[in-house]
Amino acid sequence: MADRPPLWTNRHQAGLALSDAFTDRLGLGHDTTLLALPRGGVPVAAAMASRLGLPLTTWSVRKIADPAWPELAIGAVAAGGVVVWRDGEGASRRATTATMHGWLRAQQQELRRRQVLFGDPPAEQLRGRHLIVVDDGIATGMTVKAALLSLRKLEPASLGLAVPVVDRNVAAELSPLVDRFVALAVVDDLEAVGLWYQHFEQLDDEQVLALLNQQPPAGE
């Protein structure tokens, strides 16, 4: 595949392309679940679910950032009390600052809101299943790392990760956390995931719910 953006018209097209790498899971909804990271991962995973005949649900995770620099993740929080911080000398300082200023608490509250709104499944519905985590791209890897660590605690039969585009260094960091990692484009110095799509609109809660409502519930 070409290494210059954009590569896909939209998230739906990227999801269809990703599904070609998972034809071995075609129709295996009795033991396999697609887990989209909302919001951006949902349309990618919805396309995969439609093509592969797999159940789709969400696994919410939240980026922790300094409000003055909202695009720069300093950490992330996921289910099961998982909190991860950006590696390096400042990790401890970032954790202290985020806790002191209430940034961590705010994202924990937003995480709970999304878990309820989108219907994230309880642990017992995922334990022992083959789980495939789907996002629309990975630049820093903080939220995806938090999601993978929280899902690994559920003891799945296997844990996979599927994304259209990922930063090369981040891919190397995330690969040991999963049993299977599929990325259509692995690029150097990925600055903005949206550059790799012709259309990369921000989704709201209603759009996510509409996509989820078109899918059969996980486990069916």
N, C-alpha and C. Protein backbone atom coordinates (compact mmCIF):
# COMPACT_ATOMS: atom_id res chain seq x y z
N MET A 1 0.84 -1.19 0.00
CA MET A 1 0.00 0.00 0.00
C MET A 1 0.88 1.25 0.00
N ALA A 2 0.42 2.29 -0.67
CA ALA A 2 1.18 3.54 -0.72
C ALA A 2 1.37 4.10 0.68
N ASP A 3 2.46 4.86 0.85
CA ASP A 3 2.78 5.37 2.17
C ASP A 3 2.52 6.86 2.29
N ARG A 4 1.74 7.42 1.37
CA ARG A 4 1.42 8.83 1.45
C ARG A 4 -0.07 9.03 1.70
N PRO A 5 -0.42 9.91 2.62
CA PRO A 5 -1.84 10.16 2.89
C PRO A 5 -2.46 11.05 1.82
N PRO A 6 -3.80 11.01 1.69
CA PRO A 6 -4.70 10.08 2.40
C PRO A 6 -4.74 8.72 1.71
N LEU A 7 -5.03 7.69 2.49
CA LEU A 7 -5.14 6.34 1.95
C LEU A 7 -6.58 5.86 1.85
N TRP A 8 -7.46 6.45 2.67
CA TRP A 8 -8.85 6.00 2.69
C TRP A 8 -9.80 7.19 2.57
N THR A 9 -10.94 6.94 1.95
CA THR A 9 -11.95 7.98 1.83
C THR A 9 -12.49 8.36 3.20
N ASN A 10 -12.80 7.35 4.01
CA ASN A 10 -13.36 7.57 5.33
C ASN A 10 -13.09 6.35 6.20
N ARG A 11 -13.60 6.40 7.43
CA ARG A 11 -13.36 5.29 8.36
C ARG A 11 -14.02 4.01 7.89
N HIS A 12 -15.18 4.13 7.27
CA HIS A 12 -15.89 2.93 6.79
C HIS A 12 -15.03 2.18 5.76
N GLN A 13 -14.47 2.90 4.82
CA GLN A 13 -13.63 2.25 3.82
C GLN A 13 -12.41 1.60 4.46
N ALA A 14 -11.83 2.26 5.45
CA ALA A 14 -10.68 1.69 6.14
C ALA A 14 -11.07 0.39 6.86
N GLY A 15 -12.27 0.38 7.44
CA GLY A 15 -12.74 -0.82 8.12
C GLY A 15 -12.93 -1.98 7.17
N LEU A 16 -13.46 -1.70 5.99
CA LEU A 16 -13.62 -2.76 4.99
C LEU A 16 -12.26 -3.31 4.58
N ALA A 17 -11.28 -2.44 4.45
CA ALA A 17 -9.93 -2.89 4.09
C ALA A 17 -9.33 -3.75 5.21
N LEU A 18 -9.56 -3.35 6.45
CA LEU A 18 -9.05 -4.13 7.57
C LEU A 18 -9.69 -5.52 7.65
N SER A 19 -10.95 -5.60 7.28
CA SER A 19 -11.65 -6.88 7.40
C SER A 19 -11.00 -7.96 6.54
N ASP A 20 -10.32 -7.55 5.47
CA ASP A 20 -9.67 -8.54 4.60
C ASP A 20 -8.58 -9.31 5.34
N ALA A 21 -8.02 -8.70 6.39
CA ALA A 21 -6.97 -9.36 7.16
C ALA A 21 -7.52 -10.31 8.22
N PHE A 22 -8.84 -10.33 8.38
CA PHE A 22 -9.45 -11.16 9.42
C PHE A 22 -10.47 -12.14 8.86
N THR A 23 -10.27 -12.57 7.63
CA THR A 23 -11.21 -13.51 7.05
C THR A 23 -11.21 -14.86 7.78
N ASP A 24 -10.16 -15.14 8.54
CA ASP A 24 -10.13 -16.36 9.33
C ASP A 24 -11.13 -16.33 10.47
N ARG A 25 -11.66 -15.13 10.80
CA ARG A 25 -12.67 -15.00 11.86
C ARG A 25 -14.07 -14.84 11.27
N LEU A 26 -14.22 -14.96 9.97
CA LEU A 26 -15.49 -14.77 9.29
C LEU A 26 -16.56 -15.69 9.87
N GLY A 27 -17.64 -15.10 10.34
CA GLY A 27 -18.77 -15.87 10.84
C GLY A 27 -18.56 -16.54 12.19
N LEU A 28 -17.47 -16.22 12.88
CA LEU A 28 -17.18 -16.88 14.16
C LEU A 28 -17.66 -16.03 15.34
N GLY A 29 -18.85 -15.49 15.22
CA GLY A 29 -19.39 -14.66 16.29
C GLY A 29 -19.66 -15.39 17.58
N HIS A 30 -19.66 -16.71 17.56
CA HIS A 30 -19.90 -17.45 18.79
C HIS A 30 -18.74 -17.33 19.77
N ASP A 31 -17.54 -16.98 19.26
CA ASP A 31 -16.40 -16.88 20.18
C ASP A 31 -15.53 -15.65 19.94
N THR A 32 -15.94 -14.76 19.04
CA THR A 32 -15.13 -13.59 18.69
C THR A 32 -15.94 -12.32 18.78
N THR A 33 -15.36 -11.27 19.36
CA THR A 33 -16.03 -9.99 19.51
C THR A 33 -15.12 -8.86 19.05
N LEU A 34 -15.68 -7.93 18.29
CA LEU A 34 -14.98 -6.70 17.93
C LEU A 34 -15.26 -5.66 19.00
N LEU A 35 -14.21 -5.02 19.49
CA LEU A 35 -14.33 -4.00 20.53
C LEU A 35 -13.83 -2.68 19.97
N ALA A 36 -14.75 -1.77 19.70
CA ALA A 36 -14.37 -0.47 19.14
C ALA A 36 -14.05 0.51 20.25
N LEU A 37 -13.01 1.31 20.05
CA LEU A 37 -12.70 2.38 20.99
C LEU A 37 -13.45 3.63 20.54
N PRO A 38 -14.45 4.04 21.31
CA PRO A 38 -15.23 5.22 20.88
C PRO A 38 -14.45 6.51 21.15
N ARG A 39 -14.66 7.49 20.25
CA ARG A 39 -15.70 7.43 19.25
C ARG A 39 -15.17 6.94 17.90
N GLY A 40 -13.95 7.35 17.53
CA GLY A 40 -13.46 7.14 16.17
C GLY A 40 -13.35 5.70 15.72
N GLY A 41 -13.15 4.77 16.66
CA GLY A 41 -13.03 3.37 16.27
C GLY A 41 -14.33 2.71 15.88
N VAL A 42 -15.46 3.34 16.23
CA VAL A 42 -16.76 2.69 16.01
C VAL A 42 -17.09 2.52 14.53
N PRO A 43 -16.99 3.55 13.68
CA PRO A 43 -17.30 3.32 12.27
C PRO A 43 -16.35 2.36 11.58
N VAL A 44 -15.09 2.31 12.01
CA VAL A 44 -14.14 1.34 11.46
C VAL A 44 -14.59 -0.08 11.82
N ALA A 45 -14.90 -0.28 13.09
CA ALA A 45 -15.31 -1.60 13.56
C ALA A 45 -16.67 -2.00 13.01
N ALA A 46 -17.56 -1.02 12.81
CA ALA A 46 -18.89 -1.33 12.27
C ALA A 46 -18.77 -1.90 10.86
N ALA A 47 -17.86 -1.35 10.07
CA ALA A 47 -17.64 -1.88 8.72
C ALA A 47 -17.08 -3.30 8.79
N MET A 48 -16.17 -3.54 9.72
CA MET A 48 -15.61 -4.87 9.89
C MET A 48 -16.68 -5.85 10.34
N ALA A 49 -17.52 -5.44 11.28
CA ALA A 49 -18.58 -6.31 11.80
C ALA A 49 -19.53 -6.72 10.69
N SER A 50 -19.88 -5.77 9.83
CA SER A 50 -20.79 -6.05 8.73
C SER A 50 -20.18 -7.03 7.74
N ARG A 51 -18.92 -6.84 7.41
CA ARG A 51 -18.25 -7.69 6.43
C ARG A 51 -17.97 -9.09 6.99
N LEU A 52 -17.61 -9.18 8.28
CA LEU A 52 -17.17 -10.44 8.87
C LEU A 52 -18.27 -11.19 9.61
N GLY A 53 -19.41 -10.54 9.84
CA GLY A 53 -20.48 -11.19 10.58
C GLY A 53 -20.14 -11.41 12.04
N LEU A 54 -19.47 -10.43 12.63
CA LEU A 54 -19.04 -10.53 14.03
C LEU A 54 -19.80 -9.51 14.88
N PRO A 55 -20.04 -9.85 16.15
CA PRO A 55 -20.69 -8.89 17.05
C PRO A 55 -19.76 -7.74 17.38
N LEU A 56 -20.34 -6.58 17.55
CA LEU A 56 -19.58 -5.36 17.84
C LEU A 56 -20.08 -4.73 19.13
N THR A 57 -19.14 -4.33 19.96
CA THR A 57 -19.47 -3.56 21.14
C THR A 57 -18.36 -2.53 21.34
N THR A 58 -18.46 -1.75 22.40
CA THR A 58 -17.45 -0.72 22.66
C THR A 58 -16.65 -1.06 23.91
N TRP A 59 -15.48 -0.46 23.98
CA TRP A 59 -14.65 -0.51 25.20
C TRP A 59 -14.11 0.90 25.39
N SER A 60 -14.74 1.62 26.26
CA SER A 60 -14.43 3.04 26.42
C SER A 60 -13.10 3.24 27.13
N VAL A 61 -12.41 4.29 26.74
CA VAL A 61 -11.13 4.67 27.33
C VAL A 61 -11.00 6.17 27.15
N ARG A 62 -10.30 6.83 28.07
CA ARG A 62 -10.21 8.28 28.01
C ARG A 62 -8.78 8.76 28.12
N LYS A 63 -8.45 9.70 27.26
CA LYS A 63 -7.14 10.35 27.30
C LYS A 63 -7.12 11.36 28.44
N ILE A 64 -5.99 11.45 29.13
CA ILE A 64 -5.77 12.48 30.15
C ILE A 64 -4.83 13.51 29.55
N ALA A 65 -5.24 14.78 29.60
CA ALA A 65 -4.42 15.83 29.01
C ALA A 65 -4.51 17.10 29.83
N ASP A 66 -3.49 17.91 29.71
CA ASP A 66 -3.51 19.25 30.28
C ASP A 66 -4.49 20.08 29.44
N PRO A 67 -5.49 20.70 30.07
CA PRO A 67 -6.46 21.50 29.30
C PRO A 67 -5.82 22.55 28.41
N ALA A 68 -4.63 23.01 28.77
CA ALA A 68 -3.94 23.99 27.94
C ALA A 68 -3.38 23.36 26.66
N TRP A 69 -3.21 22.04 26.68
CA TRP A 69 -2.70 21.31 25.51
C TRP A 69 -3.56 20.06 25.32
N PRO A 70 -4.81 20.22 24.92
CA PRO A 70 -5.76 19.11 24.91
C PRO A 70 -5.41 17.99 23.94
N GLU A 71 -4.61 18.28 22.91
CA GLU A 71 -4.27 17.24 21.94
C GLU A 71 -3.12 16.36 22.39
N LEU A 72 -2.41 16.76 23.43
CA LEU A 72 -1.24 16.01 23.89
C LEU A 72 -1.61 15.13 25.07
N ALA A 73 -1.63 13.84 24.85
CA ALA A 73 -1.97 12.89 25.92
C ALA A 73 -0.80 12.74 26.88
N ILE A 74 -1.07 12.90 28.18
CA ILE A 74 -0.06 12.61 29.18
C ILE A 74 -0.37 11.31 29.90
N GLY A 75 -1.57 10.77 29.64
CA GLY A 75 -1.96 9.52 30.24
C GLY A 75 -3.31 9.08 29.70
N ALA A 76 -3.81 7.97 30.22
CA ALA A 76 -5.11 7.46 29.80
C ALA A 76 -5.67 6.57 30.88
N VAL A 77 -7.00 6.46 30.90
CA VAL A 77 -7.68 5.67 31.92
C VAL A 77 -8.67 4.74 31.23
N ALA A 78 -8.77 3.49 31.74
CA ALA A 78 -9.67 2.49 31.17
C ALA A 78 -10.33 1.70 32.29
N ALA A 79 -11.21 0.80 31.91
CA ALA A 79 -11.96 0.01 32.88
C ALA A 79 -11.03 -0.81 33.78
N GLY A 80 -11.54 -1.17 34.94
CA GLY A 80 -10.77 -1.99 35.86
C GLY A 80 -9.73 -1.23 36.64
N GLY A 81 -9.88 0.11 36.68
CA GLY A 81 -8.93 0.92 37.43
C GLY A 81 -7.58 1.10 36.75
N VAL A 82 -7.51 0.82 35.46
CA VAL A 82 -6.25 0.95 34.72
C VAL A 82 -5.96 2.42 34.41
N VAL A 83 -4.79 2.87 34.79
CA VAL A 83 -4.32 4.21 34.46
C VAL A 83 -2.89 4.08 33.97
N VAL A 84 -2.60 4.64 32.81
CA VAL A 84 -1.23 4.62 32.29
C VAL A 84 -0.78 6.06 32.05
N TRP A 85 0.54 6.27 32.18
CA TRP A 85 1.11 7.60 31.98
C TRP A 85 2.18 7.54 30.92
N ARG A 86 2.38 8.64 30.25
CA ARG A 86 3.41 8.69 29.22
C ARG A 86 4.77 8.37 29.86
N ASP A 87 5.50 7.49 29.22
CA ASP A 87 6.79 7.06 29.75
C ASP A 87 7.80 8.19 29.74
N GLY A 88 8.85 8.00 30.51
CA GLY A 88 9.91 9.00 30.55
C GLY A 88 10.09 9.56 31.94
N GLU A 89 11.03 10.48 32.05
CA GLU A 89 11.39 11.04 33.35
C GLU A 89 10.23 11.77 34.01
N GLY A 90 9.33 12.31 33.21
CA GLY A 90 8.26 13.11 33.77
C GLY A 90 7.00 12.35 34.12
N ALA A 91 7.01 11.01 34.01
CA ALA A 91 5.80 10.22 34.24
C ALA A 91 5.21 10.45 35.63
N SER A 92 6.06 10.38 36.65
CA SER A 92 5.60 10.58 38.02
C SER A 92 5.06 11.99 38.23
N ARG A 93 5.77 12.96 37.66
CA ARG A 93 5.31 14.34 37.79
C ARG A 93 3.97 14.56 37.09
N ARG A 94 3.81 13.96 35.90
CA ARG A 94 2.55 14.10 35.18
C ARG A 94 1.40 13.49 35.97
N ALA A 95 1.64 12.33 36.58
CA ALA A 95 0.60 11.68 37.37
C ALA A 95 0.20 12.56 38.55
N THR A 96 1.17 13.13 39.23
CA THR A 96 0.90 13.99 40.38
C THR A 96 0.12 15.24 39.96
N THR A 97 0.55 15.85 38.87
CA THR A 97 -0.10 17.07 38.39
C THR A 97 -1.54 16.81 37.97
N ALA A 98 -1.77 15.71 37.23
CA ALA A 98 -3.11 15.38 36.75
C ALA A 98 -4.05 15.08 37.91
N THR A 99 -3.52 14.43 38.94
CA THR A 99 -4.34 14.12 40.11
C THR A 99 -4.65 15.38 40.90
N MET A 100 -3.65 16.21 41.11
CA MET A 100 -3.81 17.42 41.90
C MET A 100 -4.81 18.40 41.26
N HIS A 101 -4.76 18.53 39.95
CA HIS A 101 -5.63 19.49 39.25
C HIS A 101 -7.00 18.91 38.88
N GLY A 102 -7.23 17.64 39.18
CA GLY A 102 -8.53 17.05 38.90
C GLY A 102 -8.70 16.54 37.48
N TRP A 103 -7.63 16.55 36.69
CA TRP A 103 -7.76 16.08 35.31
C TRP A 103 -8.05 14.58 35.27
N LEU A 104 -7.41 13.82 36.16
CA LEU A 104 -7.64 12.38 36.21
C LEU A 104 -9.08 12.09 36.61
N ARG A 105 -9.56 12.75 37.66
CA ARG A 105 -10.93 12.51 38.13
C ARG A 105 -11.95 12.85 37.05
N ALA A 106 -11.71 13.94 36.33
CA ALA A 106 -12.64 14.35 35.28
C ALA A 106 -12.75 13.29 34.19
N GLN A 107 -11.62 12.70 33.82
CA GLN A 107 -11.66 11.69 32.77
C GLN A 107 -12.21 10.37 33.28
N GLN A 108 -12.03 10.08 34.55
CA GLN A 108 -12.65 8.88 35.12
C GLN A 108 -14.17 9.02 35.11
N GLN A 109 -14.66 10.21 35.37
CA GLN A 109 -16.10 10.47 35.32
C GLN A 109 -16.63 10.36 33.90
N GLU A 110 -15.88 10.92 32.94
CA GLU A 110 -16.31 10.82 31.54
C GLU A 110 -16.25 9.37 31.06
N LEU A 111 -15.28 8.61 31.55
CA LEU A 111 -15.20 7.20 31.20
C LEU A 111 -16.45 6.47 31.66
N ARG A 112 -16.88 6.70 32.89
CA ARG A 112 -18.08 6.04 33.40
C ARG A 112 -19.31 6.44 32.60
N ARG A 113 -19.39 7.71 32.21
CA ARG A 113 -20.52 8.17 31.42
C ARG A 113 -20.59 7.42 30.09
N ARG A 114 -19.46 7.29 29.43
CA ARG A 114 -19.44 6.61 28.14
C ARG A 114 -19.70 5.11 28.29
N GLN A 115 -19.19 4.50 29.34
CA GLN A 115 -19.44 3.08 29.54
C GLN A 115 -20.93 2.78 29.62
N VAL A 116 -21.64 3.65 30.33
CA VAL A 116 -23.09 3.47 30.47
C VAL A 116 -23.80 3.81 29.16
N LEU A 117 -23.45 4.95 28.56
CA LEU A 117 -24.13 5.42 27.36
C LEU A 117 -23.97 4.43 26.20
N PHE A 118 -22.75 3.97 25.97
CA PHE A 118 -22.49 3.11 24.83
C PHE A 118 -22.74 1.63 25.13
N GLY A 119 -22.91 1.29 26.41
CA GLY A 119 -23.20 -0.09 26.76
C GLY A 119 -22.01 -1.01 26.75
N ASP A 120 -20.88 -0.53 27.26
CA ASP A 120 -19.71 -1.41 27.38
C ASP A 120 -20.09 -2.67 28.14
N PRO A 121 -19.69 -3.84 27.66
CA PRO A 121 -20.11 -5.10 28.29
C PRO A 121 -19.40 -5.37 29.61
N PRO A 122 -20.04 -6.12 30.50
CA PRO A 122 -19.37 -6.54 31.73
C PRO A 122 -18.29 -7.58 31.42
N ALA A 123 -17.38 -7.73 32.34
CA ALA A 123 -16.24 -8.62 32.13
C ALA A 123 -16.64 -10.03 31.77
N GLU A 124 -17.68 -10.55 32.39
CA GLU A 124 -18.04 -11.95 32.16
C GLU A 124 -18.48 -12.22 30.73
N GLN A 125 -18.92 -11.20 30.01
CA GLN A 125 -19.33 -11.40 28.63
C GLN A 125 -18.12 -11.49 27.68
N LEU A 126 -16.97 -11.08 28.14
CA LEU A 126 -15.79 -11.07 27.28
C LEU A 126 -14.76 -12.14 27.67
N ARG A 127 -14.82 -12.59 28.89
CA ARG A 127 -13.82 -13.55 29.36
C ARG A 127 -13.86 -14.83 28.51
N GLY A 128 -12.70 -15.28 28.06
CA GLY A 128 -12.61 -16.51 27.29
C GLY A 128 -12.92 -16.36 25.81
N ARG A 129 -13.22 -15.13 25.35
CA ARG A 129 -13.52 -14.91 23.93
C ARG A 129 -12.29 -14.35 23.21
N HIS A 130 -12.30 -14.47 21.90
CA HIS A 130 -11.27 -13.84 21.08
C HIS A 130 -11.69 -12.39 20.87
N LEU A 131 -10.89 -11.47 21.36
CA LEU A 131 -11.23 -10.05 21.32
C LEU A 131 -10.34 -9.33 20.32
N ILE A 132 -10.97 -8.50 19.49
CA ILE A 132 -10.22 -7.70 18.52
C ILE A 132 -10.54 -6.23 18.78
N VAL A 133 -9.56 -5.48 19.26
CA VAL A 133 -9.72 -4.06 19.56
C VAL A 133 -9.52 -3.27 18.27
N VAL A 134 -10.41 -2.31 18.02
CA VAL A 134 -10.37 -1.56 16.77
C VAL A 134 -10.38 -0.06 17.06
N ASP A 135 -9.46 0.66 16.41
CA ASP A 135 -9.46 2.12 16.48
C ASP A 135 -9.21 2.66 15.07
N ASP A 136 -9.36 3.98 14.90
CA ASP A 136 -9.19 4.55 13.56
C ASP A 136 -7.75 4.94 13.26
N GLY A 137 -6.86 4.81 14.23
CA GLY A 137 -5.45 5.11 14.04
C GLY A 137 -4.80 5.36 15.39
N ILE A 138 -3.47 5.20 15.43
CA ILE A 138 -2.75 5.33 16.70
C ILE A 138 -1.54 6.22 16.49
N ALA A 139 -1.55 7.37 17.17
CA ALA A 139 -0.42 8.30 17.09
C ALA A 139 0.47 8.18 18.32
N THR A 140 -0.10 8.34 19.51
CA THR A 140 0.70 8.25 20.74
C THR A 140 0.57 6.90 21.42
N GLY A 141 -0.58 6.25 21.26
CA GLY A 141 -0.77 4.91 21.82
C GLY A 141 -1.23 4.87 23.26
N MET A 142 -1.45 6.02 23.88
CA MET A 142 -1.81 6.02 25.30
C MET A 142 -3.16 5.36 25.55
N THR A 143 -4.19 5.76 24.81
CA THR A 143 -5.52 5.21 25.06
C THR A 143 -5.59 3.73 24.67
N VAL A 144 -4.94 3.38 23.57
CA VAL A 144 -4.96 1.98 23.15
C VAL A 144 -4.23 1.10 24.18
N LYS A 145 -3.14 1.58 24.69
CA LYS A 145 -2.39 0.82 25.70
C LYS A 145 -3.26 0.58 26.94
N ALA A 146 -3.95 1.62 27.38
CA ALA A 146 -4.83 1.47 28.55
C ALA A 146 -5.93 0.45 28.27
N ALA A 147 -6.51 0.50 27.08
CA ALA A 147 -7.56 -0.44 26.72
C ALA A 147 -7.05 -1.87 26.72
N LEU A 148 -5.90 -2.09 26.13
CA LEU A 148 -5.34 -3.43 26.05
C LEU A 148 -5.00 -3.99 27.42
N LEU A 149 -4.44 -3.17 28.28
CA LEU A 149 -4.10 -3.63 29.63
C LEU A 149 -5.36 -3.99 30.42
N SER A 150 -6.42 -3.21 30.24
CA SER A 150 -7.66 -3.51 30.97
C SER A 150 -8.32 -4.77 30.43
N LEU A 151 -8.25 -4.98 29.12
CA LEU A 151 -8.87 -6.17 28.54
C LEU A 151 -8.07 -7.42 28.84
N ARG A 152 -6.77 -7.31 28.93
CA ARG A 152 -5.95 -8.48 29.26
C ARG A 152 -6.29 -9.02 30.64
N LYS A 153 -6.72 -8.16 31.53
CA LYS A 153 -7.12 -8.59 32.87
C LYS A 153 -8.35 -9.48 32.84
N LEU A 154 -9.11 -9.46 31.75
CA LEU A 154 -10.34 -10.25 31.64
C LEU A 154 -10.07 -11.68 31.18
N GLU A 155 -8.82 -12.00 30.91
CA GLU A 155 -8.41 -13.34 30.49
C GLU A 155 -9.14 -13.80 29.22
N PRO A 156 -8.98 -13.05 28.13
CA PRO A 156 -9.59 -13.47 26.87
C PRO A 156 -8.86 -14.67 26.27
N ALA A 157 -9.51 -15.35 25.35
CA ALA A 157 -8.84 -16.46 24.65
C ALA A 157 -7.68 -15.91 23.84
N SER A 158 -7.86 -14.75 23.24
CA SER A 158 -6.77 -14.06 22.57
C SER A 158 -7.14 -12.58 22.50
N LEU A 159 -6.14 -11.75 22.31
CA LEU A 159 -6.35 -10.30 22.24
C LEU A 159 -5.66 -9.77 21.00
N GLY A 160 -6.46 -9.20 20.10
CA GLY A 160 -5.92 -8.65 18.87
C GLY A 160 -6.13 -7.15 18.79
N LEU A 161 -5.40 -6.51 17.90
CA LEU A 161 -5.52 -5.07 17.69
C LEU A 161 -5.53 -4.82 16.19
N ALA A 162 -6.52 -4.05 15.72
CA ALA A 162 -6.67 -3.76 14.31
C ALA A 162 -6.83 -2.26 14.10
N VAL A 163 -5.94 -1.66 13.33
CA VAL A 163 -6.01 -0.22 13.05
C VAL A 163 -5.59 0.04 11.61
N PRO A 164 -6.15 1.06 10.99
CA PRO A 164 -5.71 1.40 9.64
C PRO A 164 -4.28 1.94 9.60
N VAL A 165 -3.93 2.82 10.55
CA VAL A 165 -2.62 3.46 10.50
C VAL A 165 -2.06 3.60 11.92
N VAL A 166 -0.75 3.43 12.07
CA VAL A 166 -0.10 3.52 13.37
C VAL A 166 1.31 4.05 13.21
N ASP A 167 1.76 4.79 14.20
CA ASP A 167 3.14 5.24 14.25
C ASP A 167 4.06 4.04 14.48
N ARG A 168 5.18 4.01 13.78
CA ARG A 168 6.07 2.85 13.83
C ARG A 168 6.61 2.57 15.24
N ASN A 169 7.04 3.60 15.94
CA ASN A 169 7.57 3.40 17.29
C ASN A 169 6.49 2.95 18.25
N VAL A 170 5.31 3.48 18.10
CA VAL A 170 4.19 3.08 18.96
C VAL A 170 3.81 1.63 18.68
N ALA A 171 3.84 1.23 17.42
CA ALA A 171 3.53 -0.15 17.07
C ALA A 171 4.47 -1.11 17.77
N ALA A 172 5.75 -0.76 17.82
CA ALA A 172 6.73 -1.61 18.49
C ALA A 172 6.44 -1.73 19.98
N GLU A 173 5.91 -0.65 20.58
CA GLU A 173 5.60 -0.67 22.00
C GLU A 173 4.34 -1.48 22.29
N LEU A 174 3.37 -1.43 21.39
CA LEU A 174 2.09 -2.10 21.63
C LEU A 174 2.10 -3.58 21.25
N SER A 175 2.94 -3.95 20.33
CA SER A 175 2.94 -5.33 19.82
C SER A 175 3.06 -6.39 20.91
N PRO A 176 3.92 -6.20 21.93
CA PRO A 176 4.03 -7.23 22.96
C PRO A 176 2.76 -7.38 23.81
N LEU A 177 1.84 -6.44 23.72
CA LEU A 177 0.63 -6.49 24.54
C LEU A 177 -0.48 -7.31 23.91
N VAL A 178 -0.31 -7.71 22.65
CA VAL A 178 -1.38 -8.41 21.94
C VAL A 178 -0.86 -9.69 21.31
N ASP A 179 -1.79 -10.57 20.97
CA ASP A 179 -1.45 -11.81 20.29
C ASP A 179 -1.42 -11.63 18.78
N ARG A 180 -2.11 -10.59 18.31
CA ARG A 180 -2.20 -10.34 16.88
C ARG A 180 -2.37 -8.85 16.65
N PHE A 181 -1.53 -8.30 15.79
CA PHE A 181 -1.56 -6.86 15.52
C PHE A 181 -1.61 -6.66 14.01
N VAL A 182 -2.71 -6.07 13.54
CA VAL A 182 -2.86 -5.79 12.11
C VAL A 182 -2.98 -4.29 11.91
N ALA A 183 -2.06 -3.72 11.15
CA ALA A 183 -2.11 -2.31 10.78
C ALA A 183 -1.88 -2.23 9.27
N LEU A 184 -2.74 -1.49 8.59
CA LEU A 184 -2.61 -1.39 7.14
C LEU A 184 -1.45 -0.49 6.73
N ALA A 185 -1.14 0.50 7.56
CA ALA A 185 -0.03 1.40 7.27
C ALA A 185 0.73 1.67 8.56
N VAL A 186 2.02 1.39 8.56
CA VAL A 186 2.90 1.67 9.69
C VAL A 186 3.85 2.77 9.21
N VAL A 187 3.75 3.94 9.84
CA VAL A 187 4.45 5.11 9.30
C VAL A 187 5.37 5.74 10.35
N ASP A 188 6.34 6.46 9.88
CA ASP A 188 7.26 7.17 10.76
C ASP A 188 6.67 8.52 11.16
N ASP A 189 6.82 8.85 12.43
CA ASP A 189 6.45 10.17 12.94
C ASP A 189 5.01 10.55 12.57
N LEU A 190 4.07 9.69 12.94
CA LEU A 190 2.66 9.97 12.68
C LEU A 190 2.20 11.13 13.55
N GLU A 191 1.88 12.23 12.93
CA GLU A 191 1.50 13.42 13.67
C GLU A 191 0.00 13.54 13.85
N ALA A 192 -0.77 13.18 12.84
CA ALA A 192 -2.22 13.33 12.91
C ALA A 192 -2.88 12.20 12.12
N VAL A 193 -3.68 11.41 12.81
CA VAL A 193 -4.37 10.30 12.17
C VAL A 193 -5.27 10.80 11.04
N GLY A 194 -5.94 11.93 11.25
CA GLY A 194 -6.89 12.44 10.29
C GLY A 194 -6.31 12.72 8.91
N LEU A 195 -5.01 12.94 8.83
CA LEU A 195 -4.38 13.22 7.54
C LEU A 195 -4.47 12.03 6.59
N TRP A 196 -4.69 10.85 7.13
CA TRP A 196 -4.69 9.64 6.32
C TRP A 196 -6.07 9.32 5.76
N TYR A 197 -7.03 10.20 6.04
CA TYR A 197 -8.38 10.05 5.51
C TYR A 197 -8.78 11.29 4.73
N GLN A 198 -9.52 11.10 3.65
CA GLN A 198 -10.06 12.24 2.93
C GLN A 198 -11.13 12.95 3.76
N HIS A 199 -11.94 12.16 4.45
CA HIS A 199 -12.99 12.70 5.31
C HIS A 199 -12.81 12.13 6.70
N PHE A 200 -12.59 13.00 7.67
CA PHE A 200 -12.29 12.55 9.03
C PHE A 200 -13.04 13.46 10.02
N GLU A 201 -14.35 13.42 9.92
CA GLU A 201 -15.16 14.27 10.79
C GLU A 201 -15.16 13.74 12.22
N GLN A 202 -15.33 14.66 13.16
CA GLN A 202 -15.46 14.28 14.56
C GLN A 202 -16.87 13.76 14.80
N LEU A 203 -16.97 12.64 15.47
CA LEU A 203 -18.27 12.02 15.73
C LEU A 203 -18.83 12.47 17.07
N ASP A 204 -20.15 12.57 17.16
CA ASP A 204 -20.78 12.85 18.44
C ASP A 204 -21.42 11.57 18.98
N ASP A 205 -21.93 11.64 20.19
CA ASP A 205 -22.50 10.45 20.83
C ASP A 205 -23.65 9.85 20.02
N GLU A 206 -24.49 10.71 19.44
CA GLU A 206 -25.65 10.22 18.69
C GLU A 206 -25.22 9.42 17.47
N GLN A 207 -24.18 9.85 16.80
CA GLN A 207 -23.69 9.11 15.63
C GLN A 207 -23.13 7.76 16.04
N VAL A 208 -22.42 7.72 17.16
CA VAL A 208 -21.89 6.46 17.66
C VAL A 208 -23.02 5.50 18.00
N LEU A 209 -24.03 6.00 18.70
CA LEU A 209 -25.16 5.15 19.09
C LEU A 209 -25.91 4.63 17.87
N ALA A 210 -26.05 5.47 16.85
CA ALA A 210 -26.73 5.03 15.63
C ALA A 210 -25.99 3.87 14.98
N LEU A 211 -24.66 3.95 14.94
CA LEU A 211 -23.87 2.86 14.37
C LEU A 211 -23.99 1.59 15.20
N LEU A 212 -23.95 1.74 16.50
CA LEU A 212 -24.05 0.58 17.38
C LEU A 212 -25.42 -0.08 17.30
N ASN A 213 -26.45 0.72 17.12
CA ASN A 213 -27.81 0.19 17.06
C ASN A 213 -28.07 -0.60 15.79
N GLN A 214 -27.21 -0.44 14.80
CA GLN A 214 -27.33 -1.20 13.56
C GLN A 214 -26.71 -2.59 13.69
N GLN A 215 -26.01 -2.84 14.80
CA GLN A 215 -25.29 -4.10 14.98
C GLN A 215 -26.02 -5.00 15.95
N PRO A 216 -25.89 -6.33 15.78
CA PRO A 216 -26.42 -7.25 16.78
C PRO A 216 -25.62 -7.14 18.07
N PRO A 217 -26.23 -7.32 19.23
CA PRO A 217 -25.50 -7.22 20.50
C PRO A 217 -24.37 -8.25 20.57
N ALA A 218 -23.32 -7.89 21.31
CA ALA A 218 -22.19 -8.80 21.50
C ALA A 218 -22.67 -10.10 22.12
N GLY A 219 -22.13 -11.20 21.63
CA GLY A 219 -22.46 -12.50 22.19
C GLY A 219 -23.59 -13.20 21.46
N GLU A 220 -24.28 -12.51 20.52
CA GLU A 220 -25.37 -13.15 19.79
C GLU A 220 -24.87 -13.67 18.45
